[in-house]
Amino acid sequence: MDIQHETRGAGGAFVMGEGADRAELTYGPSARADTVVFDHTFVPRHLRGRGIAEALLERAVAHARERTLRVVPACSYVARVFDRSPERYADVDARAA
């Protein structure tokens, strides 16, 4: 899966596809300089169930780890994944701090 990173002001997005096939995970700044907020994940209905949201999340988490950032999982999908595998995301989950 070809995932691109887009900068959007102080935040950004990890995106895949174009037009009606565009999926994304967006993030923005938080009050703390060492923390970002993963605020929204969207995969078009016709592409769901293919692991796209998971791939976007893994790329976004890798981005956070590379920059030693903590993540506030404001997006319900991200929070659910973090909650299901706390040991996998403990190093980036800002709720664990």
Protein backbone atom coordinates (compact mmCIF):
# COMPACT_ATOMS: atom_id res chain seq x y z
CA MET A 1 0.00 0.00 0.00
CA ASP A 2 1.41 3.35 -1.03
CA ILE A 3 0.87 5.72 1.90
CA GLN A 4 1.86 9.36 1.54
CA HIS A 5 2.43 11.94 4.27
CA GLU A 6 0.89 15.38 3.81
CA THR A 7 1.69 18.36 6.00
CA ARG A 8 -1.31 20.54 6.83
CA GLY A 9 -0.37 23.58 8.87
CA ALA A 10 0.74 22.37 12.30
CA GLY A 11 -0.66 18.89 11.62
CA GLY A 12 -0.94 16.54 8.74
CA ALA A 13 -2.33 13.35 7.32
CA PHE A 14 -1.31 9.95 6.10
CA VAL A 15 -3.21 9.26 2.90
CA MET A 16 -3.72 6.53 0.39
CA GLY A 17 -5.58 6.71 -2.89
CA GLU A 18 -7.31 9.56 -4.66
CA GLY A 19 -10.80 10.88 -5.19
CA ALA A 20 -13.50 8.42 -4.12
CA ASP A 21 -10.77 5.93 -3.17
CA ARG A 22 -8.96 8.29 -0.78
CA ALA A 23 -8.40 7.03 2.78
CA GLU A 24 -6.69 9.06 5.48
CA LEU A 25 -5.63 9.36 9.09
CA THR A 26 -5.30 12.97 10.21
CA TYR A 27 -3.39 14.40 13.14
CA GLY A 28 -2.83 17.76 14.74
CA PRO A 29 -0.84 19.43 17.47
CA SER A 30 -1.63 19.17 21.15
CA ALA A 31 -0.92 21.53 24.03
CA ARG A 32 2.35 19.68 24.66
CA ALA A 33 5.21 19.97 22.16
CA ASP A 34 6.05 16.25 22.48
CA THR A 35 2.49 15.09 21.76
CA VAL A 36 0.24 14.88 18.69
CA VAL A 37 -3.47 14.14 18.43
CA PHE A 38 -4.62 11.44 16.01
CA ASP A 39 -8.06 12.91 15.43
CA HIS A 40 -9.70 11.17 12.48
CA THR A 41 -9.45 8.05 10.37
CA PHE A 42 -11.54 7.60 7.24
CA VAL A 43 -11.71 4.75 4.75
CA PRO A 44 -14.39 4.83 2.03
CA ARG A 45 -17.10 2.25 2.64
CA HIS A 46 -16.27 0.29 -0.52
CA LEU A 47 -12.64 -0.16 0.64
CA ARG A 48 -13.30 -1.18 4.25
CA GLY A 49 -12.21 -4.58 5.52
CA ARG A 50 -8.93 -4.56 3.58
CA GLY A 51 -6.61 -3.44 6.39
CA ILE A 52 -6.26 0.10 5.07
CA ALA A 53 -7.05 1.86 8.36
CA GLU A 54 -4.57 -0.40 10.15
CA ALA A 55 -1.87 0.36 7.57
CA LEU A 56 -2.48 4.11 7.93
CA LEU A 57 -2.30 3.81 11.72
CA GLU A 58 0.93 1.79 11.64
CA ARG A 59 2.55 4.38 9.36
CA ALA A 60 1.35 7.23 11.59
CA VAL A 61 2.64 5.47 14.72
CA ALA A 62 6.00 4.87 13.02
CA HIS A 63 6.11 8.59 12.23
CA ALA A 64 5.44 9.44 15.89
CA ARG A 65 8.09 6.96 17.08
CA GLU A 66 10.69 8.36 14.68
CA ARG A 67 10.13 11.79 16.23
CA THR A 68 9.79 10.55 19.83
CA LEU A 69 6.22 11.84 20.03
CA ARG A 70 3.37 10.64 22.22
CA VAL A 71 -0.08 10.18 20.69
CA VAL A 72 -3.47 11.24 22.04
CA PRO A 73 -5.90 8.79 20.39
CA ALA A 74 -8.87 11.16 19.93
CA CYS A 75 -10.12 9.14 16.96
CA SER A 76 -12.38 6.28 18.11
CA TYR A 77 -10.69 3.81 15.75
CA VAL A 78 -7.20 4.67 17.04
CA ALA A 79 -8.38 4.49 20.67
CA ARG A 80 -9.95 1.07 20.05
CA VAL A 81 -6.75 -0.30 18.48
CA PHE A 82 -4.59 1.14 21.28
CA ASP A 83 -6.95 -0.38 23.87
CA ARG A 84 -6.88 -3.82 22.22
CA SER A 85 -3.07 -3.95 22.16
CA PRO A 86 -1.78 -1.72 24.97
CA GLU A 87 1.61 -3.44 25.05
CA ARG A 88 2.13 -2.68 21.37
CA TYR A 89 1.42 1.04 21.72
CA ALA A 90 2.42 1.84 25.32
CA ASP A 91 5.51 3.72 24.15
CA VAL A 92 3.42 6.22 22.17
CA ASP A 93 0.05 6.25 23.97
CA ALA A 94 -0.13 9.59 25.80
CA ARG A 95 -2.85 8.16 28.07
CA ALA A 96 -0.28 5.75 29.53
CA ALA A 97 2.02 8.58 30.67
